[in-house]
Every structure is written in C-alpha cells, then in structure tokens.
Amino acid sequence: MQLISDQMSKKPLLLSPNTFSCCRFEIAIFVLIFLNMLTMGIEHYNQPHAVFFVLEVSNAFFTTVFGLGKSTHFPLI
C-alpha cells in the first residue's frame, strides 16, 4: 500500500482551465433554474395579455437554453 501512495504523491496536480469555469457554469445554471421557477410562479388566472406574452417568451428562452445545454454538455443522454 505504501508503494501506491508514494506513486500517487509524486504526480503533479494539474488544474485545467475547465476546473474554474465549471463552478461559474453551475452557478449560471442555478440562477437560470431559479429564474425559470420564478416566471412559472408568476403565472395566474386572468392575467393581462402582456404578462402572458412575457412569460411565454421567457419560457421559450429557458427551454432553448436548457435544451442546448443538455445537448452540448451531455451528448449521450
């Protein structure tokens, strides 16, 4: 067991540029999910047509962003 731990400790720890951008990507996705939930929660009965239009456009935007994100980052799923 000591031999394995010695070999692992000798390898340099490399940080790729994706290591730092991954956190920003996750935060952006969390913000988008929160905004999507907020826009879905605003919808109510007898709402003005302007509110309906804004919610439909935002729903189309979120669907596109999440669809593109899934196909870009998880192509096999």
N, C-alpha and C. Protein backbone atom coordinates (compact mmCIF):
# COMPACT_ATOMS: atom_id res chain seq x y z
N MET A 1 0.81 -1.20 0.00
CA MET A 1 0.00 0.00 0.00
C MET A 1 0.85 1.27 0.00
N GLN A 2 1.99 1.20 0.66
CA GLN A 2 2.85 2.37 0.74
C GLN A 2 3.38 2.74 -0.65
N LEU A 3 3.65 1.75 -1.48
CA LEU A 3 4.16 1.99 -2.81
C LEU A 3 3.15 2.75 -3.67
N ILE A 4 1.89 2.40 -3.56
CA ILE A 4 0.85 3.07 -4.34
C ILE A 4 0.70 4.52 -3.89
N SER A 5 0.70 4.77 -2.60
CA SER A 5 0.55 6.15 -2.14
C SER A 5 1.76 6.99 -2.49
N ASP A 6 2.97 6.40 -2.52
CA ASP A 6 4.16 7.13 -2.93
C ASP A 6 4.09 7.53 -4.40
N GLN A 7 3.58 6.62 -5.24
CA GLN A 7 3.48 6.92 -6.67
C GLN A 7 2.44 8.00 -6.92
N MET A 8 1.36 7.98 -6.18
CA MET A 8 0.32 8.98 -6.37
C MET A 8 0.77 10.36 -5.91
N SER A 9 1.57 10.41 -4.86
CA SER A 9 2.00 11.71 -4.36
C SER A 9 3.05 12.35 -5.26
N LYS A 10 3.73 11.58 -6.10
CA LYS A 10 4.76 12.13 -6.98
C LYS A 10 4.18 12.76 -8.24
N LYS A 11 2.93 12.44 -8.59
CA LYS A 11 2.33 13.02 -9.77
C LYS A 11 1.94 14.47 -9.50
N PRO A 12 2.26 15.36 -10.42
CA PRO A 12 1.87 16.77 -10.20
C PRO A 12 0.36 16.94 -10.34
N LEU A 13 -0.16 17.83 -9.55
CA LEU A 13 -1.58 18.13 -9.60
C LEU A 13 -1.79 19.21 -10.66
N LEU A 14 -2.45 18.84 -11.74
CA LEU A 14 -2.68 19.78 -12.83
C LEU A 14 -4.12 20.29 -12.75
N LEU A 15 -4.25 21.59 -12.82
CA LEU A 15 -5.57 22.20 -12.83
C LEU A 15 -5.84 22.72 -14.23
N SER A 16 -6.87 22.22 -14.82
CA SER A 16 -7.21 22.66 -16.16
C SER A 16 -8.04 23.94 -16.08
N PRO A 17 -8.13 24.70 -17.16
CA PRO A 17 -8.98 25.90 -17.15
C PRO A 17 -10.45 25.57 -16.90
N ASN A 18 -10.86 24.35 -17.24
CA ASN A 18 -12.25 23.96 -17.01
C ASN A 18 -12.58 23.79 -15.54
N THR A 19 -11.57 23.62 -14.70
CA THR A 19 -11.81 23.46 -13.27
C THR A 19 -12.47 24.70 -12.69
N PHE A 20 -12.04 25.87 -13.10
CA PHE A 20 -12.58 27.10 -12.54
C PHE A 20 -13.86 27.53 -13.24
N SER A 21 -13.98 27.26 -14.53
CA SER A 21 -15.18 27.67 -15.25
C SER A 21 -16.37 26.76 -14.92
N CYS A 22 -16.10 25.57 -14.40
CA CYS A 22 -17.17 24.65 -14.05
C CYS A 22 -18.03 25.25 -12.94
N CYS A 23 -17.42 25.86 -11.97
CA CYS A 23 -18.15 26.48 -10.87
C CYS A 23 -19.02 27.63 -11.38
N ARG A 24 -18.50 28.42 -12.27
CA ARG A 24 -19.27 29.53 -12.84
C ARG A 24 -20.44 28.99 -13.67
N PHE A 25 -20.19 27.91 -14.39
CA PHE A 25 -21.25 27.30 -15.19
C PHE A 25 -22.37 26.80 -14.29
N GLU A 26 -22.01 26.13 -13.19
CA GLU A 26 -23.02 25.62 -12.27
C GLU A 26 -23.82 26.76 -11.64
N ILE A 27 -23.17 27.83 -11.27
CA ILE A 27 -23.87 28.98 -10.69
C ILE A 27 -24.82 29.58 -11.71
N ALA A 28 -24.38 29.69 -12.95
CA ALA A 28 -25.25 30.23 -14.00
C ALA A 28 -26.48 29.34 -14.20
N ILE A 29 -26.29 28.03 -14.17
CA ILE A 29 -27.42 27.11 -14.33
C ILE A 29 -28.38 27.25 -13.15
N PHE A 30 -27.85 27.35 -11.94
CA PHE A 30 -28.71 27.53 -10.76
C PHE A 30 -29.52 28.81 -10.86
N VAL A 31 -28.89 29.88 -11.32
CA VAL A 31 -29.60 31.16 -11.47
C VAL A 31 -30.70 31.04 -12.53
N LEU A 32 -30.39 30.39 -13.64
CA LEU A 32 -31.39 30.20 -14.69
C LEU A 32 -32.56 29.34 -14.20
N ILE A 33 -32.28 28.30 -13.43
CA ILE A 33 -33.35 27.47 -12.89
C ILE A 33 -34.21 28.27 -11.93
N PHE A 34 -33.58 29.09 -11.09
CA PHE A 34 -34.34 29.92 -10.16
C PHE A 34 -35.23 30.91 -10.91
N LEU A 35 -34.69 31.56 -11.94
CA LEU A 35 -35.49 32.50 -12.72
C LEU A 35 -36.63 31.79 -13.45
N ASN A 36 -36.38 30.56 -13.92
CA ASN A 36 -37.42 29.79 -14.57
C ASN A 36 -38.55 29.46 -13.59
N MET A 37 -38.19 29.06 -12.38
CA MET A 37 -39.21 28.78 -11.36
C MET A 37 -39.98 30.04 -11.00
N LEU A 38 -39.30 31.15 -10.92
CA LEU A 38 -39.95 32.42 -10.60
C LEU A 38 -40.96 32.80 -11.68
N THR A 39 -40.58 32.66 -12.95
CA THR A 39 -41.51 33.01 -14.02
C THR A 39 -42.70 32.06 -14.07
N MET A 40 -42.48 30.79 -13.73
CA MET A 40 -43.61 29.86 -13.69
C MET A 40 -44.53 30.17 -12.52
N GLY A 41 -43.97 30.66 -11.43
CA GLY A 41 -44.78 31.01 -10.26
C GLY A 41 -45.58 32.28 -10.44
N ILE A 42 -45.18 33.16 -11.34
CA ILE A 42 -45.89 34.42 -11.58
C ILE A 42 -47.21 34.18 -12.32
N GLU A 43 -47.26 33.12 -13.10
CA GLU A 43 -48.45 32.84 -13.91
C GLU A 43 -49.68 32.65 -13.02
N HIS A 44 -50.78 33.32 -13.37
CA HIS A 44 -52.00 33.22 -12.57
C HIS A 44 -53.23 33.39 -13.47
N TYR A 45 -54.38 33.13 -12.91
CA TYR A 45 -55.64 33.18 -13.63
C TYR A 45 -56.01 34.63 -13.95
N ASN A 46 -56.57 34.89 -15.12
CA ASN A 46 -56.98 36.23 -15.59
C ASN A 46 -55.83 37.23 -15.59
N GLN A 47 -54.68 36.80 -16.01
CA GLN A 47 -53.54 37.72 -16.07
C GLN A 47 -53.62 38.54 -17.35
N PRO A 48 -53.06 39.73 -17.35
CA PRO A 48 -53.06 40.57 -18.55
C PRO A 48 -52.31 39.88 -19.70
N HIS A 49 -52.66 40.26 -20.90
CA HIS A 49 -52.04 39.66 -22.08
C HIS A 49 -50.54 39.94 -22.13
N ALA A 50 -50.12 41.12 -21.68
CA ALA A 50 -48.69 41.46 -21.69
C ALA A 50 -47.90 40.51 -20.79
N VAL A 51 -48.45 40.19 -19.63
CA VAL A 51 -47.77 39.27 -18.71
C VAL A 51 -47.71 37.88 -19.35
N PHE A 52 -48.81 37.46 -19.97
CA PHE A 52 -48.85 36.17 -20.65
C PHE A 52 -47.78 36.10 -21.74
N PHE A 53 -47.64 37.17 -22.53
CA PHE A 53 -46.66 37.19 -23.62
C PHE A 53 -45.24 37.12 -23.07
N VAL A 54 -44.94 37.90 -22.04
CA VAL A 54 -43.59 37.90 -21.45
C VAL A 54 -43.26 36.52 -20.88
N LEU A 55 -44.22 35.88 -20.23
CA LEU A 55 -43.98 34.56 -19.66
C LEU A 55 -43.78 33.51 -20.76
N GLU A 56 -44.51 33.61 -21.84
CA GLU A 56 -44.33 32.67 -22.95
C GLU A 56 -42.96 32.83 -23.60
N VAL A 57 -42.53 34.08 -23.78
CA VAL A 57 -41.20 34.32 -24.37
C VAL A 57 -40.11 33.82 -23.43
N SER A 58 -40.25 34.09 -22.13
CA SER A 58 -39.24 33.61 -21.18
C SER A 58 -39.24 32.09 -21.11
N ASN A 59 -40.40 31.46 -21.20
CA ASN A 59 -40.46 30.01 -21.20
C ASN A 59 -39.75 29.44 -22.43
N ALA A 60 -39.96 30.05 -23.58
CA ALA A 60 -39.26 29.61 -24.80
C ALA A 60 -37.75 29.79 -24.67
N PHE A 61 -37.33 30.90 -24.06
CA PHE A 61 -35.91 31.15 -23.83
C PHE A 61 -35.29 30.09 -22.93
N PHE A 62 -35.94 29.81 -21.79
CA PHE A 62 -35.40 28.82 -20.86
C PHE A 62 -35.39 27.42 -21.48
N THR A 63 -36.41 27.09 -22.23
CA THR A 63 -36.44 25.78 -22.89
C THR A 63 -35.29 25.65 -23.88
N THR A 64 -35.02 26.71 -24.63
CA THR A 64 -33.91 26.69 -25.59
C THR A 64 -32.57 26.58 -24.88
N VAL A 65 -32.37 27.38 -23.83
CA VAL A 65 -31.09 27.35 -23.11
C VAL A 65 -30.86 25.98 -22.48
N PHE A 66 -31.87 25.43 -21.83
CA PHE A 66 -31.69 24.13 -21.19
C PHE A 66 -31.53 23.02 -22.22
N GLY A 67 -32.23 23.13 -23.35
CA GLY A 67 -32.08 22.13 -24.40
C GLY A 67 -30.71 22.16 -25.04
N LEU A 68 -30.20 23.36 -25.31
CA LEU A 68 -28.86 23.49 -25.87
C LEU A 68 -27.80 23.06 -24.87
N GLY A 69 -28.00 23.38 -23.61
CA GLY A 69 -27.05 22.98 -22.57
C GLY A 69 -26.98 21.48 -22.43
N LYS A 70 -28.12 20.83 -22.51
CA LYS A 70 -28.12 19.38 -22.38
C LYS A 70 -27.43 18.74 -23.57
N SER A 71 -27.72 19.22 -24.78
CA SER A 71 -27.11 18.60 -25.96
C SER A 71 -25.61 18.92 -26.05
N THR A 72 -25.18 20.05 -25.48
CA THR A 72 -23.76 20.41 -25.53
C THR A 72 -22.94 19.69 -24.47
N HIS A 73 -23.46 19.63 -23.24
CA HIS A 73 -22.68 19.08 -22.14
C HIS A 73 -22.95 17.61 -21.87
N PHE A 74 -24.09 17.10 -22.31
CA PHE A 74 -24.43 15.69 -22.08
C PHE A 74 -24.92 15.07 -23.39
N PRO A 75 -24.04 14.89 -24.37
CA PRO A 75 -24.49 14.43 -25.69
C PRO A 75 -25.00 13.00 -25.70
N LEU A 76 -24.61 12.16 -24.74
CA LEU A 76 -25.01 10.76 -24.77
C LEU A 76 -26.30 10.49 -24.03
N ILE A 77 -26.81 11.47 -23.31
CA ILE A 77 -28.03 11.23 -22.52
C ILE A 77 -29.25 11.51 -23.37
